[in-house]
């Protein structure tokens, strides 16, 4: 039993110490700070491998070669096979199993939101808006995507009080 516990602890340490890897989905700027108007350190080409260091709102701190900086979260895709647990939660999850009898893990997608300070210092950026609109799929592209995935149209009613 002691060996089993020691093995579990060792595996937890190894998994939590491993770094996440990601690739850039498109050419993307690496910024000095997690802000759109921060100094651009370099431009990472599409399909560049990076090491994920941490996340903050819609930004991810990454390291490429000797340079570390911030890129937009949606510009990255995690590489399968790399750990998705960081050192700050690997052992905690292991002990959570012992305390609660379950892993306590959840999967979420999205952004935590804007801080009060972000809202105070927000400025319109027409160039970013135009760039974001460029990522929208056309009706024809969406239809091709749905057909390729063999998706079928479904009618979804509005929630009460949500009619337009």
N, C-alpha and C. Protein backbone atom coordinates (compact mmCIF):
# COMPACT_ATOMS: atom_id res chain seq x y z
N UNK A 1 0.82 -1.19 0.00
CA UNK A 1 0.00 0.00 0.00
C UNK A 1 0.87 1.26 0.00
N UNK A 2 1.96 1.24 0.79
CA UNK A 2 2.85 2.39 0.85
C UNK A 2 3.48 2.65 -0.52
N UNK A 3 3.82 1.57 -1.22
CA UNK A 3 4.42 1.72 -2.55
C UNK A 3 3.42 2.32 -3.54
N UNK A 4 2.18 1.92 -3.43
CA UNK A 4 1.14 2.46 -4.30
C UNK A 4 0.97 3.96 -4.07
N UNK A 5 0.94 4.36 -2.81
CA UNK A 5 0.81 5.79 -2.49
C UNK A 5 2.03 6.55 -3.00
N UNK A 6 3.23 6.01 -2.80
CA UNK A 6 4.45 6.66 -3.28
C UNK A 6 4.44 6.78 -4.80
N UNK A 7 3.99 5.74 -5.48
CA UNK A 7 3.94 5.78 -6.95
C UNK A 7 2.95 6.84 -7.42
N UNK A 8 1.80 6.93 -6.77
CA UNK A 8 0.80 7.95 -7.14
C UNK A 8 1.35 9.36 -6.93
N UNK A 9 2.03 9.57 -5.82
CA UNK A 9 2.64 10.88 -5.56
C UNK A 9 3.69 11.21 -6.60
N UNK A 10 4.53 10.24 -6.95
CA UNK A 10 5.57 10.46 -7.95
C UNK A 10 4.96 10.80 -9.30
N UNK A 11 3.93 10.08 -9.70
CA UNK A 11 3.27 10.37 -10.97
C UNK A 11 2.63 11.75 -10.95
N UNK A 12 2.05 12.13 -9.82
CA UNK A 12 1.46 13.47 -9.70
C UNK A 12 2.51 14.56 -9.85
N UNK A 13 3.68 14.35 -9.27
CA UNK A 13 4.76 15.33 -9.39
C UNK A 13 5.25 15.43 -10.82
N UNK A 14 5.43 14.28 -11.48
CA UNK A 14 5.92 14.29 -12.86
C UNK A 14 4.91 14.98 -13.77
N UNK A 15 3.64 14.64 -13.65
CA UNK A 15 2.62 15.23 -14.51
C UNK A 15 2.49 16.73 -14.27
N UNK A 16 2.60 17.15 -13.02
CA UNK A 16 2.41 18.57 -12.73
C UNK A 16 3.61 19.40 -13.14
N UNK A 17 4.79 18.79 -13.25
CA UNK A 17 5.98 19.55 -13.61
C UNK A 17 6.12 19.72 -15.11
N UNK A 18 5.46 18.88 -15.90
CA UNK A 18 5.59 18.96 -17.35
C UNK A 18 4.91 20.22 -17.86
N UNK A 19 5.48 20.79 -18.91
CA UNK A 19 4.95 22.02 -19.47
C UNK A 19 3.96 21.71 -20.58
N UNK A 20 3.02 22.61 -20.78
CA UNK A 20 2.10 22.49 -21.90
C UNK A 20 2.77 23.05 -23.13
N UNK A 21 2.49 22.44 -24.26
CA UNK A 21 2.97 22.96 -25.54
C UNK A 21 1.76 23.35 -26.37
N UNK A 22 1.96 24.32 -27.24
CA UNK A 22 0.89 24.75 -28.13
C UNK A 22 1.52 25.14 -29.46
N UNK A 23 0.67 25.27 -30.47
CA UNK A 23 1.10 25.80 -31.76
C UNK A 23 0.23 27.00 -32.09
N UNK A 24 0.80 27.92 -32.86
CA UNK A 24 0.03 29.08 -33.27
C UNK A 24 -0.85 28.68 -34.45
N UNK A 25 -2.09 29.10 -34.42
CA UNK A 25 -3.03 28.77 -35.49
C UNK A 25 -2.89 29.71 -36.68
N UNK A 26 -2.31 30.86 -36.43
CA UNK A 26 -2.10 31.87 -37.48
C UNK A 26 -0.90 32.70 -37.08
N UNK A 27 -0.39 33.49 -37.97
CA UNK A 27 0.69 34.41 -37.63
C UNK A 27 0.16 35.34 -36.54
N UNK A 28 0.91 35.46 -35.45
CA UNK A 28 0.40 36.23 -34.31
C UNK A 28 1.52 37.00 -33.63
N UNK A 29 1.19 38.16 -33.11
CA UNK A 29 2.18 39.00 -32.44
C UNK A 29 2.35 38.56 -30.99
N UNK A 30 3.62 38.48 -30.55
CA UNK A 30 3.92 38.23 -29.14
C UNK A 30 4.14 39.59 -28.50
N UNK A 31 3.34 39.89 -27.48
CA UNK A 31 3.38 41.19 -26.81
C UNK A 31 4.16 41.10 -25.51
N UNK A 32 4.71 42.24 -25.08
CA UNK A 32 5.47 42.31 -23.83
C UNK A 32 4.54 42.16 -22.62
N UNK A 33 3.30 42.63 -22.75
CA UNK A 33 2.32 42.56 -21.67
C UNK A 33 0.99 42.08 -22.27
N UNK A 34 0.07 41.59 -21.45
CA UNK A 34 -1.19 41.06 -21.98
C UNK A 34 -2.21 42.14 -22.35
N UNK A 35 -1.82 43.03 -23.27
CA UNK A 35 -2.69 44.10 -23.74
C UNK A 35 -2.48 44.26 -25.24
N UNK A 36 -3.54 44.60 -25.96
CA UNK A 36 -3.44 44.77 -27.41
C UNK A 36 -2.49 45.88 -27.81
N UNK A 37 -2.39 46.94 -26.98
CA UNK A 37 -1.53 48.06 -27.34
C UNK A 37 -0.13 47.97 -26.73
N UNK A 38 0.22 46.82 -26.16
CA UNK A 38 1.56 46.64 -25.58
C UNK A 38 2.59 46.50 -26.71
N UNK A 39 3.85 46.69 -26.35
CA UNK A 39 4.95 46.57 -27.31
C UNK A 39 4.98 45.16 -27.91
N UNK A 40 5.11 45.09 -29.23
CA UNK A 40 5.24 43.80 -29.91
C UNK A 40 6.69 43.36 -29.85
N UNK A 41 6.93 42.19 -29.27
CA UNK A 41 8.30 41.67 -29.16
C UNK A 41 8.74 41.00 -30.45
N UNK A 42 7.85 40.21 -31.03
CA UNK A 42 8.12 39.55 -32.31
C UNK A 42 6.82 39.01 -32.87
N UNK A 43 6.85 38.60 -34.12
CA UNK A 43 5.68 37.98 -34.74
C UNK A 43 5.98 36.51 -34.94
N UNK A 44 5.15 35.68 -34.36
CA UNK A 44 5.30 34.23 -34.50
C UNK A 44 4.60 33.78 -35.77
N UNK A 45 5.29 33.04 -36.63
CA UNK A 45 4.62 32.54 -37.83
C UNK A 45 3.57 31.48 -37.49
N UNK A 46 2.68 31.23 -38.42
CA UNK A 46 1.68 30.18 -38.25
C UNK A 46 2.39 28.85 -38.01
N UNK A 47 1.81 28.02 -37.14
CA UNK A 47 2.31 26.68 -36.79
C UNK A 47 3.61 26.71 -35.99
N UNK A 48 3.90 27.81 -35.30
CA UNK A 48 5.08 27.89 -34.43
C UNK A 48 4.80 27.14 -33.14
N UNK A 49 5.77 26.34 -32.66
CA UNK A 49 5.62 25.66 -31.38
C UNK A 49 6.04 26.61 -30.27
N UNK A 50 5.25 26.66 -29.21
CA UNK A 50 5.55 27.50 -28.06
C UNK A 50 5.28 26.70 -26.79
N UNK A 51 5.89 27.15 -25.70
CA UNK A 51 5.65 26.56 -24.38
C UNK A 51 4.70 27.49 -23.64
N UNK A 52 3.62 26.95 -23.11
CA UNK A 52 2.64 27.75 -22.37
C UNK A 52 3.12 27.91 -20.93
N UNK A 53 3.22 29.17 -20.48
CA UNK A 53 3.68 29.46 -19.13
C UNK A 53 2.53 29.74 -18.17
N UNK A 54 1.58 30.60 -18.60
CA UNK A 54 0.42 30.91 -17.75
C UNK A 54 -0.66 31.56 -18.60
N UNK A 55 -1.84 31.69 -18.00
CA UNK A 55 -2.97 32.32 -18.68
C UNK A 55 -3.50 33.47 -17.83
N UNK A 56 -3.97 34.50 -18.52
CA UNK A 56 -4.61 35.63 -17.83
C UNK A 56 -5.69 36.18 -18.76
N UNK A 57 -6.95 36.01 -18.35
CA UNK A 57 -8.11 36.43 -19.14
C UNK A 57 -7.99 35.84 -20.55
N UNK A 58 -8.00 36.67 -21.59
CA UNK A 58 -7.94 36.15 -22.95
C UNK A 58 -6.52 36.05 -23.49
N UNK A 59 -5.54 36.18 -22.62
CA UNK A 59 -4.13 36.14 -23.03
C UNK A 59 -3.43 34.92 -22.44
N UNK A 60 -2.43 34.44 -23.15
CA UNK A 60 -1.62 33.32 -22.70
C UNK A 60 -0.16 33.72 -22.78
N UNK A 61 0.58 33.54 -21.68
CA UNK A 61 2.01 33.82 -21.69
C UNK A 61 2.71 32.58 -22.23
N UNK A 62 3.57 32.80 -23.24
CA UNK A 62 4.26 31.69 -23.89
C UNK A 62 5.74 31.99 -24.00
N UNK A 63 6.51 30.94 -24.27
CA UNK A 63 7.94 31.08 -24.49
C UNK A 63 8.27 30.45 -25.82
N UNK A 64 8.98 31.19 -26.66
CA UNK A 64 9.44 30.68 -27.95
C UNK A 64 10.93 30.96 -28.02
N UNK A 65 11.74 29.92 -28.03
CA UNK A 65 13.18 30.11 -27.99
C UNK A 65 13.56 30.75 -26.67
N UNK A 66 14.27 31.87 -26.73
CA UNK A 66 14.67 32.58 -25.52
C UNK A 66 13.71 33.71 -25.15
N UNK A 67 12.68 33.93 -25.98
CA UNK A 67 11.76 35.05 -25.77
C UNK A 67 10.45 34.57 -25.17
N UNK A 68 10.01 35.28 -24.13
CA UNK A 68 8.68 34.98 -23.59
C UNK A 68 7.84 36.25 -23.66
N UNK A 69 6.56 36.06 -23.89
CA UNK A 69 5.64 37.17 -24.02
C UNK A 69 4.22 36.66 -24.04
N UNK A 70 3.30 37.53 -24.43
CA UNK A 70 1.87 37.22 -24.36
C UNK A 70 1.26 37.18 -25.75
N UNK A 71 0.41 36.19 -25.98
CA UNK A 71 -0.33 36.09 -27.24
C UNK A 71 -1.81 35.87 -26.91
N UNK A 72 -2.67 36.19 -27.86
CA UNK A 72 -4.11 35.98 -27.67
C UNK A 72 -4.39 34.49 -27.56
N UNK A 73 -5.23 34.13 -26.59
CA UNK A 73 -5.57 32.73 -26.34
C UNK A 73 -6.12 32.04 -27.59
N UNK A 74 -6.92 32.74 -28.37
CA UNK A 74 -7.55 32.13 -29.54
C UNK A 74 -6.58 31.94 -30.70
N UNK A 75 -5.34 32.41 -30.56
CA UNK A 75 -4.33 32.19 -31.59
C UNK A 75 -3.57 30.90 -31.37
N UNK A 76 -3.88 30.18 -30.29
CA UNK A 76 -3.13 28.97 -29.93
C UNK A 76 -4.02 27.74 -29.91
N UNK A 77 -3.38 26.60 -30.17
CA UNK A 77 -4.02 25.30 -30.00
C UNK A 77 -3.07 24.44 -29.20
N UNK A 78 -3.57 23.88 -28.09
CA UNK A 78 -2.72 22.99 -27.29
C UNK A 78 -2.38 21.75 -28.09
N UNK A 79 -1.15 21.28 -27.93
CA UNK A 79 -0.69 20.09 -28.63
C UNK A 79 -1.16 18.88 -27.84
N UNK A 80 -1.80 17.94 -28.50
CA UNK A 80 -2.26 16.71 -27.83
C UNK A 80 -1.05 15.95 -27.33
N UNK A 81 -1.24 15.33 -26.17
CA UNK A 81 -0.16 14.54 -25.60
C UNK A 81 0.66 15.30 -24.57
N UNK A 82 0.50 16.63 -24.51
CA UNK A 82 1.18 17.37 -23.45
C UNK A 82 0.22 17.49 -22.30
N UNK A 83 0.77 17.66 -21.13
CA UNK A 83 -0.08 17.71 -19.95
C UNK A 83 -0.94 18.96 -19.98
N UNK A 84 -2.11 18.87 -19.44
CA UNK A 84 -2.97 20.03 -19.36
C UNK A 84 -3.14 20.48 -17.92
N UNK A 85 -2.33 19.92 -17.03
CA UNK A 85 -2.35 20.36 -15.63
C UNK A 85 -1.01 21.00 -15.32
N UNK A 86 -1.05 22.12 -14.68
CA UNK A 86 0.16 22.86 -14.36
C UNK A 86 0.63 22.50 -12.96
N UNK A 87 1.83 22.92 -12.61
CA UNK A 87 2.40 22.62 -11.30
C UNK A 87 1.54 23.15 -10.16
N UNK A 88 0.79 24.22 -10.41
CA UNK A 88 0.00 24.81 -9.34
C UNK A 88 -1.26 24.02 -9.02
N UNK A 89 -1.63 23.03 -9.85
CA UNK A 89 -2.83 22.28 -9.51
C UNK A 89 -2.67 20.77 -9.61
N UNK A 90 -1.54 20.27 -10.01
CA UNK A 90 -1.35 18.83 -10.16
C UNK A 90 -1.47 18.08 -8.86
N UNK A 91 -0.70 18.46 -7.86
CA UNK A 91 -0.77 17.78 -6.56
C UNK A 91 -2.07 18.10 -5.84
N UNK A 92 -2.55 19.33 -6.01
CA UNK A 92 -3.81 19.70 -5.35
C UNK A 92 -4.93 18.78 -5.84
N UNK A 93 -4.96 18.49 -7.15
CA UNK A 93 -5.98 17.59 -7.67
C UNK A 93 -5.81 16.19 -7.11
N UNK A 94 -4.56 15.77 -6.96
CA UNK A 94 -4.29 14.44 -6.41
C UNK A 94 -4.84 14.34 -4.99
N UNK A 95 -4.60 15.36 -4.17
CA UNK A 95 -5.09 15.34 -2.80
C UNK A 95 -6.59 15.57 -2.74
N UNK A 96 -7.15 16.26 -3.73
CA UNK A 96 -8.60 16.46 -3.78
C UNK A 96 -9.31 15.12 -3.91
N UNK A 97 -8.72 14.18 -4.64
CA UNK A 97 -9.30 12.84 -4.76
C UNK A 97 -9.39 12.19 -3.39
N UNK A 98 -8.32 12.33 -2.60
CA UNK A 98 -8.30 11.73 -1.26
C UNK A 98 -9.33 12.38 -0.34
N UNK A 99 -9.53 13.68 -0.47
CA UNK A 99 -10.44 14.38 0.43
C UNK A 99 -11.90 14.19 0.05
N UNK A 100 -12.20 14.23 -1.24
CA UNK A 100 -13.61 14.24 -1.64
C UNK A 100 -14.06 12.97 -2.33
N UNK A 101 -13.11 12.12 -2.74
CA UNK A 101 -13.48 10.91 -3.43
C UNK A 101 -13.76 11.12 -4.90
N UNK A 102 -13.47 12.30 -5.41
CA UNK A 102 -13.65 12.56 -6.84
C UNK A 102 -12.55 13.50 -7.29
N UNK A 103 -12.32 13.55 -8.57
CA UNK A 103 -11.23 14.35 -9.12
C UNK A 103 -11.44 15.84 -9.01
N UNK A 104 -12.66 16.27 -9.05
CA UNK A 104 -12.92 17.70 -8.95
C UNK A 104 -12.56 18.47 -10.20
N UNK A 105 -12.19 17.78 -11.28
CA UNK A 105 -11.78 18.45 -12.50
C UNK A 105 -12.97 18.94 -13.30
N UNK A 106 -12.81 20.07 -13.93
CA UNK A 106 -13.85 20.59 -14.81
C UNK A 106 -13.19 21.07 -16.08
N UNK A 107 -13.95 21.10 -17.14
CA UNK A 107 -13.46 21.61 -18.41
C UNK A 107 -14.25 22.87 -18.72
N UNK A 108 -13.54 23.94 -19.02
CA UNK A 108 -14.21 25.18 -19.37
C UNK A 108 -13.55 25.77 -20.60
N UNK A 109 -14.31 26.53 -21.32
CA UNK A 109 -13.79 27.24 -22.47
C UNK A 109 -14.27 28.66 -22.35
N UNK A 110 -13.39 29.58 -22.62
CA UNK A 110 -13.81 30.97 -22.58
C UNK A 110 -12.82 31.84 -21.85
N UNK A 111 -13.29 33.00 -21.52
CA UNK A 111 -12.46 34.02 -20.91
C UNK A 111 -13.08 34.39 -19.57
N UNK A 112 -12.26 34.64 -18.60
CA UNK A 112 -12.76 34.98 -17.27
C UNK A 112 -13.50 36.30 -17.26
N UNK A 113 -13.18 37.16 -18.16
CA UNK A 113 -13.87 38.44 -18.21
C UNK A 113 -12.91 39.60 -18.05
N UNK A 114 -13.45 40.77 -18.06
CA UNK A 114 -12.66 41.98 -17.94
C UNK A 114 -12.63 42.44 -16.50
N UNK A 115 -11.47 42.91 -16.09
CA UNK A 115 -11.37 43.46 -14.74
C UNK A 115 -11.94 44.88 -14.73
N UNK A 116 -12.17 45.40 -13.55
CA UNK A 116 -12.67 46.77 -13.42
C UNK A 116 -11.68 47.75 -14.05
N UNK A 117 -10.39 47.48 -13.86
CA UNK A 117 -9.37 48.35 -14.43
C UNK A 117 -9.37 48.29 -15.95
N UNK A 118 -9.56 47.09 -16.51
CA UNK A 118 -9.66 46.95 -17.96
C UNK A 118 -10.79 47.82 -18.51
N UNK A 119 -11.93 47.80 -17.83
CA UNK A 119 -13.07 48.58 -18.28
C UNK A 119 -12.82 50.08 -18.17
N UNK A 120 -12.12 50.50 -17.13
CA UNK A 120 -11.82 51.93 -16.96
C UNK A 120 -10.90 52.45 -18.06
N UNK A 121 -9.98 51.61 -18.52
CA UNK A 121 -8.98 52.04 -19.50
C UNK A 121 -9.30 51.59 -20.92
N UNK A 122 -10.50 51.09 -21.14
CA UNK A 122 -10.88 50.59 -22.47
C UNK A 122 -10.97 51.74 -23.47
N UNK A 123 -10.46 51.48 -24.68
CA UNK A 123 -10.53 52.46 -25.76
C UNK A 123 -10.99 51.73 -27.02
N UNK A 124 -11.79 52.38 -27.85
CA UNK A 124 -12.20 51.74 -29.10
C UNK A 124 -10.98 51.47 -29.99
N UNK A 125 -11.00 50.37 -30.69
CA UNK A 125 -9.91 50.03 -31.59
C UNK A 125 -10.52 49.52 -32.90
N UNK A 126 -10.79 50.43 -33.84
CA UNK A 126 -11.44 50.04 -35.10
C UNK A 126 -10.65 48.99 -35.88
N UNK A 127 -9.31 49.04 -35.81
CA UNK A 127 -8.51 48.05 -36.53
C UNK A 127 -8.74 46.65 -35.99
N UNK A 128 -8.80 46.51 -34.66
CA UNK A 128 -9.05 45.19 -34.06
C UNK A 128 -10.45 44.70 -34.41
N UNK A 129 -11.42 45.61 -34.41
CA UNK A 129 -12.79 45.23 -34.77
C UNK A 129 -12.82 44.72 -36.20
N UNK A 130 -12.16 45.44 -37.10
CA UNK A 130 -12.12 45.01 -38.50
C UNK A 130 -11.45 43.65 -38.64
N UNK A 131 -10.35 43.46 -37.89
CA UNK A 131 -9.66 42.17 -37.93
C UNK A 131 -10.56 41.05 -37.40
N UNK A 132 -11.27 41.31 -36.31
CA UNK A 132 -12.17 40.31 -35.73
C UNK A 132 -13.29 39.96 -36.70
N UNK A 133 -13.82 40.96 -37.40
CA UNK A 133 -14.88 40.70 -38.37
C UNK A 133 -14.38 39.84 -39.52
N UNK A 134 -13.08 39.92 -39.80
CA UNK A 134 -12.48 39.11 -40.86
C UNK A 134 -12.47 37.62 -40.53
N UNK A 135 -12.61 37.27 -39.26
CA UNK A 135 -12.61 35.86 -38.86
C UNK A 135 -14.00 35.23 -38.96
N UNK A 136 -15.02 36.03 -39.18
CA UNK A 136 -16.39 35.51 -39.25
C UNK A 136 -16.55 34.64 -40.49
N UNK A 137 -17.26 33.54 -40.33
CA UNK A 137 -17.54 32.66 -41.47
C UNK A 137 -18.71 33.22 -42.27
N UNK A 138 -18.64 33.06 -43.58
CA UNK A 138 -19.77 33.45 -44.42
C UNK A 138 -20.86 32.39 -44.28
N UNK A 139 -22.05 32.72 -44.75
CA UNK A 139 -23.15 31.76 -44.69
C UNK A 139 -22.79 30.49 -45.47
N UNK A 140 -22.15 30.66 -46.64
CA UNK A 140 -21.77 29.51 -47.47
C UNK A 140 -20.72 28.64 -46.76
N UNK A 141 -19.75 29.29 -46.10
CA UNK A 141 -18.72 28.53 -45.36
C UNK A 141 -19.35 27.75 -44.20
N UNK A 142 -20.27 28.39 -43.50
CA UNK A 142 -20.93 27.72 -42.38
C UNK A 142 -21.75 26.53 -42.88
N UNK A 143 -22.41 26.69 -44.02
CA UNK A 143 -23.21 25.60 -44.58
C UNK A 143 -22.31 24.43 -44.99
N UNK A 144 -21.17 24.73 -45.64
CA UNK A 144 -20.22 23.66 -46.03
C UNK A 144 -19.70 22.94 -44.79
N UNK A 145 -19.38 23.70 -43.75
CA UNK A 145 -18.89 23.10 -42.51
C UNK A 145 -19.94 22.16 -41.91
N UNK A 146 -21.17 22.62 -41.87
CA UNK A 146 -22.26 21.81 -41.31
C UNK A 146 -22.47 20.54 -42.13
N UNK A 147 -22.42 20.66 -43.45
CA UNK A 147 -22.61 19.49 -44.31
C UNK A 147 -21.46 18.50 -44.13
N UNK A 148 -20.23 19.01 -44.02
CA UNK A 148 -19.07 18.13 -43.84
C UNK A 148 -19.17 17.36 -42.52
N UNK A 149 -19.74 17.97 -41.51
CA UNK A 149 -19.90 17.32 -40.21
C UNK A 149 -21.22 16.58 -40.09
N UNK A 150 -21.98 16.52 -41.18
CA UNK A 150 -23.28 15.84 -41.20
C UNK A 150 -24.20 16.38 -40.10
N UNK A 151 -24.16 17.70 -39.93
CA UNK A 151 -25.01 18.35 -38.93
C UNK A 151 -26.38 18.62 -39.54
N UNK A 152 -27.40 18.59 -38.73
CA UNK A 152 -28.76 18.84 -39.19
C UNK A 152 -29.30 20.08 -38.48
N UNK A 153 -30.08 20.87 -39.22
CA UNK A 153 -30.69 22.08 -38.64
C UNK A 153 -31.71 21.69 -37.59
N UNK A 154 -31.75 22.46 -36.51
CA UNK A 154 -32.72 22.23 -35.44
C UNK A 154 -33.31 23.57 -35.03
N UNK A 155 -34.59 23.57 -34.74
CA UNK A 155 -35.25 24.77 -34.25
C UNK A 155 -35.07 24.84 -32.74
N UNK A 156 -34.55 25.94 -32.24
CA UNK A 156 -34.35 26.12 -30.81
C UNK A 156 -35.17 27.34 -30.39
N UNK A 157 -36.08 27.12 -29.46
CA UNK A 157 -36.93 28.22 -28.99
C UNK A 157 -36.14 29.13 -28.06
N UNK A 158 -36.55 30.40 -28.05
CA UNK A 158 -35.95 31.35 -27.12
C UNK A 158 -36.34 31.00 -25.69
N UNK A 159 -35.51 31.37 -24.74
CA UNK A 159 -35.86 31.22 -23.34
C UNK A 159 -36.96 32.21 -22.99
N UNK A 160 -37.76 31.95 -21.96
CA UNK A 160 -38.80 32.90 -21.57
C UNK A 160 -38.20 34.28 -21.32
N UNK A 161 -38.82 35.29 -21.90
CA UNK A 161 -38.35 36.66 -21.73
C UNK A 161 -37.22 37.02 -22.67
N UNK A 162 -36.83 36.10 -23.54
CA UNK A 162 -35.70 36.36 -24.42
C UNK A 162 -36.09 36.55 -25.87
N UNK A 163 -37.40 36.64 -26.16
CA UNK A 163 -37.82 36.81 -27.55
C UNK A 163 -37.30 38.12 -28.10
N UNK A 164 -37.07 38.09 -29.40
CA UNK A 164 -36.59 39.32 -30.05
C UNK A 164 -37.69 39.95 -30.84
